[in-house]
Amino acid sequence: MSMEQEFVQINLKDDFKEVFKSGSNGNLNDNISTSLAIAAFIEKRVTLARAAELAEKSLAEFIEILLKYNISWMEYTDETFKEDQETLERLRGITND
């Protein structure tokens, strides 16, 4: 089963290009995706596991990024823990195919 990615195009000021290109790896799309995933996690719009998935990082990589910026990642409710568990189970199923 093939899953096609949909992409969204947004317009940003050129200043953002320089700000995000200067990120850790110099990859504009990766840096913006990671920043958006971090923002969504901080705003409690997504779980930790989902934020890592959106950033296209492993859970460990995403946690390292959060720690780098002194962002707490361990504060979540039983409900978000359950959601993280479900996401991890789903991801494990994808990698075992």
PDB file of N, CA and C in Angstrom:
ATOM      1  N   MET A   1       0.847  -1.177   0.000  1.00  0.00           N
ATOM      2  CA  MET A   1       0.000   0.000   0.000  1.00  0.00           C
ATOM      3  C   MET A   1       0.890   1.237   0.000  1.00  0.00           C
ATOM      4  N   SER A   2       0.719   2.074  -0.973  1.00  0.00           N
ATOM      5  CA  SER A   2       1.541   3.273  -1.108  1.00  0.00           C
ATOM      6  C   SER A   2       0.772   4.483  -0.601  1.00  0.00           C
ATOM      7  N   MET A   3       1.449   5.279   0.198  1.00  0.00           N
ATOM      8  CA  MET A   3       0.829   6.497   0.721  1.00  0.00           C
ATOM      9  C   MET A   3       1.493   7.693   0.055  1.00  0.00           C
ATOM     10  N   GLU A   4       0.690   8.477  -0.646  1.00  0.00           N
ATOM     11  CA  GLU A   4       1.231   9.661  -1.294  1.00  0.00           C
ATOM     12  C   GLU A   4       1.181  10.832  -0.328  1.00  0.00           C
ATOM     13  N   GLN A   5       2.250  11.600  -0.324  1.00  0.00           N
ATOM     14  CA  GLN A   5       2.317  12.785   0.517  1.00  0.00           C
ATOM     15  C   GLN A   5       1.677  13.951  -0.209  1.00  0.00           C
ATOM     16  N   GLU A   6       0.912  14.725   0.519  1.00  0.00           N
ATOM     17  CA  GLU A   6       0.389  15.967  -0.020  1.00  0.00           C
ATOM     18  C   GLU A   6       1.234  17.090   0.544  1.00  0.00           C
ATOM     19  N   PHE A   7       1.496  18.082  -0.261  1.00  0.00           N
ATOM     20  CA  PHE A   7       2.313  19.199   0.170  1.00  0.00           C
ATOM     21  C   PHE A   7       1.511  20.483   0.094  1.00  0.00           C
ATOM     22  N   VAL A   8       1.818  21.395   1.002  1.00  0.00           N
ATOM     23  CA  VAL A   8       1.175  22.697   1.048  1.00  0.00           C
ATOM     24  C   VAL A   8       2.221  23.744   0.716  1.00  0.00           C
ATOM     25  N   GLN A   9       1.860  24.669  -0.121  1.00  0.00           N
ATOM     26  CA  GLN A   9       2.776  25.755  -0.450  1.00  0.00           C
ATOM     27  C   GLN A   9       2.343  26.989   0.322  1.00  0.00           C
ATOM     28  N   ILE A  10       3.305  27.632   0.986  1.00  0.00           N
ATOM     29  CA  ILE A  10       3.005  28.863   1.707  1.00  0.00           C
ATOM     30  C   ILE A  10       3.959  29.955   1.239  1.00  0.00           C
ATOM     31  N   ASN A  11       3.528  31.178   1.417  1.00  0.00           N
ATOM     32  CA  ASN A  11       4.361  32.325   1.051  1.00  0.00           C
ATOM     33  C   ASN A  11       4.916  32.956   2.315  1.00  0.00           C
ATOM     34  N   LEU A  12       6.236  33.077   2.369  1.00  0.00           N
ATOM     35  CA  LEU A  12       6.902  33.703   3.499  1.00  0.00           C
ATOM     36  C   LEU A  12       7.809  34.812   2.988  1.00  0.00           C
ATOM     37  N   LYS A  13       8.076  35.771   3.843  1.00  0.00           N
ATOM     38  CA  LYS A  13       9.049  36.806   3.495  1.00  0.00           C
ATOM     39  C   LYS A  13      10.404  36.152   3.295  1.00  0.00           C
ATOM     40  N   ASP A  14      11.200  36.728   2.427  1.00  0.00           N
ATOM     41  CA  ASP A  14      12.541  36.198   2.175  1.00  0.00           C
ATOM     42  C   ASP A  14      13.378  36.134   3.445  1.00  0.00           C
ATOM     43  N   ASP A  15      13.104  37.012   4.400  1.00  0.00           N
ATOM     44  CA  ASP A  15      13.857  37.004   5.655  1.00  0.00           C
ATOM     45  C   ASP A  15      13.774  35.643   6.345  1.00  0.00           C
ATOM     46  N   PHE A  16      12.628  34.991   6.243  1.00  0.00           N
ATOM     47  CA  PHE A  16      12.474  33.673   6.860  1.00  0.00           C
ATOM     48  C   PHE A  16      13.421  32.658   6.238  1.00  0.00           C
ATOM     49  N   LYS A  17      13.664  32.796   4.962  1.00  0.00           N
ATOM     50  CA  LYS A  17      14.544  31.873   4.254  1.00  0.00           C
ATOM     51  C   LYS A  17      15.922  31.846   4.911  1.00  0.00           C
ATOM     52  N   GLU A  18      16.456  33.016   5.188  1.00  0.00           N
ATOM     53  CA  GLU A  18      17.779  33.095   5.815  1.00  0.00           C
ATOM     54  C   GLU A  18      17.745  32.571   7.246  1.00  0.00           C
ATOM     55  N   VAL A  19      16.688  32.890   7.970  1.00  0.00           N
ATOM     56  CA  VAL A  19      16.571  32.432   9.358  1.00  0.00           C
ATOM     57  C   VAL A  19      16.548  30.911   9.416  1.00  0.00           C
ATOM     58  N   PHE A  20      15.743  30.290   8.580  1.00  0.00           N
ATOM     59  CA  PHE A  20      15.602  28.840   8.645  1.00  0.00           C
ATOM     60  C   PHE A  20      16.717  28.094   7.934  1.00  0.00           C
ATOM     61  N   LYS A  21      17.374  28.721   6.978  1.00  0.00           N
ATOM     62  CA  LYS A  21      18.525  28.075   6.342  1.00  0.00           C
ATOM     63  C   LYS A  21      19.698  27.992   7.305  1.00  0.00           C
ATOM     64  N   SER A  22      19.735  28.908   8.261  1.00  0.00           N
ATOM     65  CA  SER A  22      20.842  28.927   9.211  1.00  0.00           C
ATOM     66  C   SER A  22      20.651  27.903  10.330  1.00  0.00           C
ATOM     67  N   GLY A  23      19.641  27.070  10.217  1.00  0.00           N
ATOM     68  CA  GLY A  23      19.390  26.033  11.215  1.00  0.00           C
ATOM     69  C   GLY A  23      20.489  24.999  11.239  1.00  0.00           C
ATOM     70  N   SER A  24      20.303  24.004  12.059  1.00  0.00           N
ATOM     71  CA  SER A  24      21.357  23.022  12.332  1.00  0.00           C
ATOM     72  C   SER A  24      21.881  22.307  11.095  1.00  0.00           C
ATOM     73  N   ASN A  25      21.016  22.008  10.129  1.00  0.00           N
ATOM     74  CA  ASN A  25      21.502  21.247   8.971  1.00  0.00           C
ATOM     75  C   ASN A  25      21.469  22.032   7.661  1.00  0.00           C
ATOM     76  N   GLY A  26      20.993  23.264   7.705  1.00  0.00           N
ATOM     77  CA  GLY A  26      20.971  24.082   6.502  1.00  0.00           C
ATOM     78  C   GLY A  26      19.884  23.731   5.510  1.00  0.00           C
ATOM     79  N   ASN A  27      19.036  22.746   5.826  1.00  0.00           N
ATOM     80  CA  ASN A  27      17.956  22.331   4.936  1.00  0.00           C
ATOM     81  C   ASN A  27      16.698  23.111   5.292  1.00  0.00           C
ATOM     82  N   LEU A  28      16.295  24.005   4.419  1.00  0.00           N
ATOM     83  CA  LEU A  28      15.171  24.898   4.671  1.00  0.00           C
ATOM     84  C   LEU A  28      13.894  24.142   5.020  1.00  0.00           C
ATOM     85  N   ASN A  29      13.487  23.190   4.182  1.00  0.00           N
ATOM     86  CA  ASN A  29      12.246  22.447   4.428  1.00  0.00           C
ATOM     87  C   ASN A  29      12.298  21.670   5.734  1.00  0.00           C
ATOM     88  N   ASP A  30      13.423  21.015   6.000  1.00  0.00           N
ATOM     89  CA  ASP A  30      13.572  20.238   7.228  1.00  0.00           C
ATOM     90  C   ASP A  30      13.491  21.141   8.454  1.00  0.00           C
ATOM     91  N   ASN A  31      14.174  22.279   8.408  1.00  0.00           N
ATOM     92  CA  ASN A  31      14.171  23.195   9.546  1.00  0.00           C
ATOM     93  C   ASN A  31      12.786  23.779   9.802  1.00  0.00           C
ATOM     94  N   ILE A  32      12.065  24.115   8.746  1.00  0.00           N
ATOM     95  CA  ILE A  32      10.714  24.654   8.918  1.00  0.00           C
ATOM     96  C   ILE A  32       9.775  23.571   9.437  1.00  0.00           C
ATOM     97  N   SER A  33       9.852  22.368   8.884  1.00  0.00           N
ATOM     98  CA  SER A  33       8.997  21.268   9.352  1.00  0.00           C
ATOM     99  C   SER A  33       9.247  20.969  10.823  1.00  0.00           C
ATOM    100  N   THR A  34      10.507  20.949  11.206  1.00  0.00           N
ATOM    101  CA  THR A  34      10.846  20.678  12.604  1.00  0.00           C
ATOM    102  C   THR A  34      10.332  21.796  13.506  1.00  0.00           C
ATOM    103  N   SER A  35      10.497  23.034  13.079  1.00  0.00           N
ATOM    104  CA  SER A  35      10.013  24.168  13.871  1.00  0.00           C
ATOM    105  C   SER A  35       8.497  24.132  14.032  1.00  0.00           C
ATOM    106  N   LEU A  36       7.796  23.797  12.968  1.00  0.00           N
ATOM    107  CA  LEU A  36       6.333  23.698  13.051  1.00  0.00           C
ATOM    108  C   LEU A  36       5.905  22.555  13.963  1.00  0.00           C
ATOM    109  N   ALA A  37       6.617  21.441  13.897  1.00  0.00           N
ATOM    110  CA  ALA A  37       6.303  20.307  14.771  1.00  0.00           C
ATOM    111  C   ALA A  37       6.542  20.672  16.231  1.00  0.00           C
ATOM    112  N   ILE A  38       7.629  21.388  16.499  1.00  0.00           N
ATOM    113  CA  ILE A  38       7.913  21.837  17.866  1.00  0.00           C
ATOM    114  C   ILE A  38       6.802  22.765  18.345  1.00  0.00           C
ATOM    115  N   ALA A  39       6.413  23.715  17.510  1.00  0.00           N
ATOM    116  CA  ALA A  39       5.346  24.650  17.883  1.00  0.00           C
ATOM    117  C   ALA A  39       4.043  23.908  18.167  1.00  0.00           C
ATOM    118  N   ALA A  40       3.706  22.950  17.329  1.00  0.00           N
ATOM    119  CA  ALA A  40       2.472  22.177  17.533  1.00  0.00           C
ATOM    120  C   ALA A  40       2.532  21.393  18.838  1.00  0.00           C
ATOM    121  N   PHE A  41       3.703  20.858  19.161  1.00  0.00           N
ATOM    122  CA  PHE A  41       3.869  20.120  20.415  1.00  0.00           C
ATOM    123  C   PHE A  41       3.750  21.056  21.617  1.00  0.00           C
ATOM    124  N   ILE A  42       4.425  22.188  21.565  1.00  0.00           N
ATOM    125  CA  ILE A  42       4.375  23.152  22.672  1.00  0.00           C
ATOM    126  C   ILE A  42       2.949  23.637  22.902  1.00  0.00           C
ATOM    127  N   GLU A  43       2.215  23.851  21.828  1.00  0.00           N
ATOM    128  CA  GLU A  43       0.833  24.333  21.922  1.00  0.00           C
ATOM    129  C   GLU A  43      -0.151  23.212  22.252  1.00  0.00           C
ATOM    130  N   LYS A  44       0.377  22.000  22.459  1.00  0.00           N
ATOM    131  CA  LYS A  44      -0.429  20.821  22.799  1.00  0.00           C
ATOM    132  C   LYS A  44      -1.454  20.475  21.712  1.00  0.00           C
ATOM    133  N   ARG A  45      -1.087  20.752  20.472  1.00  0.00           N
ATOM    134  CA  ARG A  45      -1.937  20.381  19.334  1.00  0.00           C
ATOM    135  C   ARG A  45      -1.689  18.940  18.917  1.00  0.00           C
ATOM    136  N   VAL A  46      -0.484  18.437  19.231  1.00  0.00           N
ATOM    137  CA  VAL A  46      -0.110  17.063  18.890  1.00  0.00           C
ATOM    138  C   VAL A  46       0.665  16.448  20.047  1.00  0.00           C
ATOM    139  N   THR A  47       0.716  15.140  20.054  1.00  0.00           N
ATOM    140  CA  THR A  47       1.505  14.427  21.052  1.00  0.00           C
ATOM    141  C   THR A  47       2.981  14.463  20.662  1.00  0.00           C
ATOM    142  N   LEU A  48       3.808  14.029  21.580  1.00  0.00           N
ATOM    143  CA  LEU A  48       5.246  13.965  21.322  1.00  0.00           C
ATOM    144  C   LEU A  48       5.538  13.066  20.127  1.00  0.00           C
ATOM    145  N   ALA A  49       4.930  11.893  20.108  1.00  0.00           N
ATOM    146  CA  ALA A  49       5.169  10.945  19.015  1.00  0.00           C
ATOM    147  C   ALA A  49       4.710  11.519  17.677  1.00  0.00           C
ATOM    148  N   ARG A  50       3.575  12.183  17.684  1.00  0.00           N
ATOM    149  CA  ARG A  50       3.061  12.768  16.435  1.00  0.00           C
ATOM    150  C   ARG A  50       3.956  13.920  15.970  1.00  0.00           C
ATOM    151  N   ALA A  51       4.445  14.722  16.907  1.00  0.00           N
ATOM    152  CA  ALA A  51       5.343  15.821  16.542  1.00  0.00           C
ATOM    153  C   ALA A  51       6.616  15.280  15.903  1.00  0.00           C
ATOM    154  N   ALA A  52       7.160  14.212  16.473  1.00  0.00           N
ATOM    155  CA  ALA A  52       8.361  13.593  15.897  1.00  0.00           C
ATOM    156  C   ALA A  52       8.071  13.089  14.491  1.00  0.00           C
ATOM    157  N   GLU A  53       6.913  12.485  14.336  1.00  0.00           N
ATOM    158  CA  GLU A  53       6.504  11.975  13.022  1.00  0.00           C
ATOM    159  C   GLU A  53       6.376  13.117  12.009  1.00  0.00           C
ATOM    160  N   LEU A  54       5.754  14.219  12.419  1.00  0.00           N
ATOM    161  CA  LEU A  54       5.599  15.372  11.527  1.00  0.00           C
ATOM    162  C   LEU A  54       6.951  15.968  11.136  1.00  0.00           C
ATOM    163  N   ALA A  55       7.897  15.933  12.065  1.00  0.00           N
ATOM    164  CA  ALA A  55       9.237  16.465  11.796  1.00  0.00           C
ATOM    165  C   ALA A  55      10.099  15.470  11.028  1.00  0.00           C
ATOM    166  N   GLU A  56       9.556  14.274  10.802  1.00  0.00           N
ATOM    167  CA  GLU A  56      10.288  13.193  10.131  1.00  0.00           C
ATOM    168  C   GLU A  56      11.578  12.855  10.876  1.00  0.00           C
ATOM    169  N   LYS A  57      11.434  12.767  12.214  1.00  0.00           N
ATOM    170  CA  LYS A  57      12.542  12.406  13.095  1.00  0.00           C
ATOM    171  C   LYS A  57      12.118  11.200  13.915  1.00  0.00           C
ATOM    172  N   SER A  58      13.096  10.446  14.379  1.00  0.00           N
ATOM    173  CA  SER A  58      12.766   9.391  15.332  1.00  0.00           C
ATOM    174  C   SER A  58      12.377  10.083  16.636  1.00  0.00           C
ATOM    175  N   LEU A  59      11.719   9.358  17.506  1.00  0.00           N
ATOM    176  CA  LEU A  59      11.321   9.922  18.789  1.00  0.00           C
ATOM    177  C   LEU A  59      12.556  10.406  19.549  1.00  0.00           C
ATOM    178  N   ALA A  60      13.608   9.611  19.543  1.00  0.00           N
ATOM    179  CA  ALA A  60      14.847   9.982  20.244  1.00  0.00           C
ATOM    180  C   ALA A  60      15.461  11.248  19.648  1.00  0.00           C
ATOM    181  N   GLU A  61      15.475  11.351  18.319  1.00  0.00           N
ATOM    182  CA  GLU A  61      16.026  12.547  17.664  1.00  0.00           C
ATOM    183  C   GLU A  61      15.215  13.789  18.026  1.00  0.00           C
ATOM    184  N   PHE A  62      13.890  13.629  18.035  1.00  0.00           N
ATOM    185  CA  PHE A  62      13.031  14.770  18.332  1.00  0.00           C
ATOM    186  C   PHE A  62      13.213  15.214  19.778  1.00  0.00           C
ATOM    187  N   ILE A  63      13.314  14.259  20.689  1.00  0.00           N
ATOM    188  CA  ILE A  63      13.543  14.597  22.096  1.00  0.00           C
ATOM    189  C   ILE A  63      14.874  15.330  22.250  1.00  0.00           C
ATOM    190  N   GLU A  64      15.900  14.882  21.542  1.00  0.00           N
ATOM    191  CA  GLU A  64      17.202  15.569  21.581  1.00  0.00           C
ATOM    192  C   GLU A  64      17.072  17.022  21.136  1.00  0.00           C
ATOM    193  N   ILE A  65      16.289  17.253  20.101  1.00  0.00           N
ATOM    194  CA  ILE A  65      16.079  18.621  19.615  1.00  0.00           C
ATOM    195  C   ILE A  65      15.375  19.451  20.685  1.00  0.00           C
ATOM    196  N   LEU A  66      14.344  18.875  21.306  1.00  0.00           N
ATOM    197  CA  LEU A  66      13.637  19.593  22.370  1.00  0.00           C
ATOM    198  C   LEU A  66      14.584  19.921  23.520  1.00  0.00           C
ATOM    199  N   LEU A  67      15.399  18.952  23.913  1.00  0.00           N
ATOM    200  CA  LEU A  67      16.352  19.176  25.001  1.00  0.00           C
ATOM    201  C   LEU A  67      17.356  20.266  24.645  1.00  0.00           C
ATOM    202  N   LYS A  68      17.771  20.297  23.394  1.00  0.00           N
ATOM    203  CA  LYS A  68      18.720  21.317  22.924  1.00  0.00           C
ATOM    204  C   LYS A  68      18.177  22.721  23.178  1.00  0.00           C
ATOM    205  N   TYR A  69      16.860  22.872  23.062  1.00  0.00           N
ATOM    206  CA  TYR A  69      16.219  24.170  23.256  1.00  0.00           C
ATOM    207  C   TYR A  69      15.545  24.291  24.624  1.00  0.00           C
ATOM    208  N   ASN A  70      15.893  23.381  25.545  1.00  0.00           N
ATOM    209  CA  ASN A  70      15.345  23.386  26.912  1.00  0.00           C
ATOM    210  C   ASN A  70      13.819  23.354  26.932  1.00  0.00           C
ATOM    211  N   ILE A  71      13.241  22.558  26.050  1.00  0.00           N
ATOM    212  CA  ILE A  71      11.788  22.397  25.989  1.00  0.00           C
ATOM    213  C   ILE A  71      11.429  21.089  26.682  1.00  0.00           C
ATOM    214  N   SER A  72      10.556  21.188  27.675  1.00  0.00           N
ATOM    215  CA  SER A  72      10.138  20.006  28.420  1.00  0.00           C
ATOM    216  C   SER A  72       9.296  19.101  27.523  1.00  0.00           C
ATOM    217  N   TRP A  73       9.570  17.816  27.583  1.00  0.00           N
ATOM    218  CA  TRP A  73       8.827  16.877  26.736  1.00  0.00           C
ATOM    219  C   TRP A  73       8.093  15.825  27.562  1.00  0.00           C
ATOM    220  N   MET A  74       8.284  15.811  28.867  1.00  0.00           N
ATOM    221  CA  MET A  74       7.726  14.734  29.689  1.00  0.00           C
ATOM    222  C   MET A  74       6.394  15.085  30.336  1.00  0.00           C
ATOM    223  N   GLU A  75       5.884  16.270  30.131  1.00  0.00           N
ATOM    224  CA  GLU A  75       4.651  16.703  30.754  1.00  0.00           C
ATOM    225  C   GLU A  75       3.449  16.356  29.899  1.00  0.00           C
ATOM    226  N   TYR A  76       2.815  15.244  30.154  1.00  0.00           N
ATOM    227  CA  TYR A  76       1.583  14.989  29.429  1.00  0.00           C
ATOM    228  C   TYR A  76       0.656  14.091  30.225  1.00  0.00           C
ATOM    229  N   THR A  77      -0.590  14.112  29.853  1.00  0.00           N
ATOM    230  CA  THR A  77      -1.642  13.422  30.590  1.00  0.00           C
ATOM    231  C   THR A  77      -1.707  11.950  30.205  1.00  0.00           C
ATOM    232  N   ASP A  78      -2.551  11.225  30.918  1.00  0.00           N
ATOM    233  CA  ASP A  78      -2.777   9.817  30.580  1.00  0.00           C
ATOM    234  C   ASP A  78      -3.318   9.677  29.157  1.00  0.00           C
ATOM    235  N   GLU A  79      -4.148  10.621  28.761  1.00  0.00           N
ATOM    236  CA  GLU A  79      -4.733  10.580  27.414  1.00  0.00           C
ATOM    237  C   GLU A  79      -3.654  10.739  26.346  1.00  0.00           C
ATOM    238  N   THR A  80      -2.746  11.691  26.531  1.00  0.00           N
ATOM    239  CA  THR A  80      -1.693  11.864  25.533  1.00  0.00           C
ATOM    240  C   THR A  80      -0.719  10.694  25.555  1.00  0.00           C
ATOM    241  N   PHE A  81      -0.515  10.108  26.730  1.00  0.00           N
ATOM    242  CA  PHE A  81       0.329   8.912  26.802  1.00  0.00           C
ATOM    243  C   PHE A  81      -0.295   7.795  25.966  1.00  0.00           C
ATOM    244  N   LYS A  82      -1.606   7.623  26.103  1.00  0.00           N
ATOM    245  CA  LYS A  82      -2.315   6.603  25.330  1.00  0.00           C
ATOM    246  C   LYS A  82      -2.184   6.881  23.829  1.00  0.00           C
ATOM    247  N   GLU A  83      -2.321   8.143  23.437  1.00  0.00           N
ATOM    248  CA  GLU A  83      -2.176   8.509  22.025  1.00  0.00           C
ATOM    249  C   GLU A  83      -0.765   8.213  21.525  1.00  0.00           C
ATOM    250  N   ASP A  84       0.239   8.514  22.346  1.00  0.00           N
ATOM    251  CA  ASP A  84       1.626   8.214  21.971  1.00  0.00           C
ATOM    252  C   ASP A  84       1.818   6.713  21.791  1.00  0.00           C
ATOM    253  N   GLN A  85       1.265   5.930  22.700  1.00  0.00           N
ATOM    254  CA  GLN A  85       1.374   4.478  22.601  1.00  0.00           C
ATOM    255  C   GLN A  85       0.737   3.973  21.306  1.00  0.00           C
ATOM    256  N   GLU A  86      -0.443   4.491  20.982  1.00  0.00           N
ATOM    257  CA  GLU A  86      -1.130   4.088  19.754  1.00  0.00           C
ATOM    258  C   GLU A  86      -0.317   4.468  18.517  1.00  0.00           C
ATOM    259  N   THR A  87       0.270   5.661  18.539  1.00  0.00           N
ATOM    260  CA  THR A  87       1.100   6.097  17.412  1.00  0.00           C
ATOM    261  C   THR A  87       2.318   5.201  17.264  1.00  0.00           C
ATOM    262  N   LEU A  88       2.969   4.888  18.386  1.00  0.00           N
ATOM    263  CA  LEU A  88       4.141   4.010  18.341  1.00  0.00           C
ATOM    264  C   LEU A  88       3.782   2.628  17.809  1.00  0.00           C
ATOM    265  N   GLU A  89       2.648   2.092  18.250  1.00  0.00           N
ATOM    266  CA  GLU A  89       2.209   0.784  17.757  1.00  0.00           C
ATOM    267  C   GLU A  89       1.954   0.836  16.251  1.00  0.00           C
ATOM    268  N   ARG A  90       1.332   1.923  15.809  1.00  0.00           N
ATOM    269  CA  ARG A  90       1.059   2.082  14.376  1.00  0.00           C
ATOM    270  C   ARG A  90       2.371   2.180  13.600  1.00  0.00           C
ATOM    271  N   LEU A  91       3.322   2.957  14.118  1.00  0.00           N
ATOM    272  CA  LEU A  91       4.612   3.102  13.443  1.00  0.00           C
ATOM    273  C   LEU A  91       5.374   1.785  13.412  1.00  0.00           C
ATOM    274  N   ARG A  92       5.303   1.029  14.476  1.00  0.00           N
ATOM    275  CA  ARG A  92       5.969  -0.277  14.496  1.00  0.00           C
ATOM    276  C   ARG A  92       5.367  -1.191  13.440  1.00  0.00           C
ATOM    277  N   GLY A  93       4.068  -1.106  13.257  1.00  0.00           N
ATOM    278  CA  GLY A  93       3.398  -1.909  12.237  1.00  0.00           C
ATOM    279  C   GLY A  93       3.835  -1.531  10.839  1.00  0.00           C
ATOM    280  N   ILE A  94       4.082  -0.252  10.620  1.00  0.00           N
ATOM    281  CA  ILE A  94       4.535   0.222   9.306  1.00  0.00           C
ATOM    282  C   ILE A  94       5.927  -0.298   9.012  1.00  0.00           C
ATOM    283  N   THR A  95       6.818  -0.271   9.995  1.00  0.00           N
ATOM    284  CA  THR A  95       8.204  -0.694   9.763  1.00  0.00           C
ATOM    285  C   THR A  95       8.351  -2.203   9.697  1.00  0.00           C
ATOM    286  N   ASN A  96       7.377  -2.944  10.196  1.00  0.00           N
ATOM    287  CA  ASN A  96       7.454  -4.403  10.169  1.00  0.00           C
ATOM    288  C   ASN A  96       6.882  -5.009   8.896  1.00  0.00           C
ATOM    289  N   ASP A  97       6.303  -4.180   8.036  1.00  0.00           N
ATOM    290  CA  ASP A  97       5.700  -4.693   6.787  1.00  0.00           C
ATOM    291  C   ASP A  97       6.751  -5.128   5.794  1.00  0.00           C
TER     292      ASP A  97
END
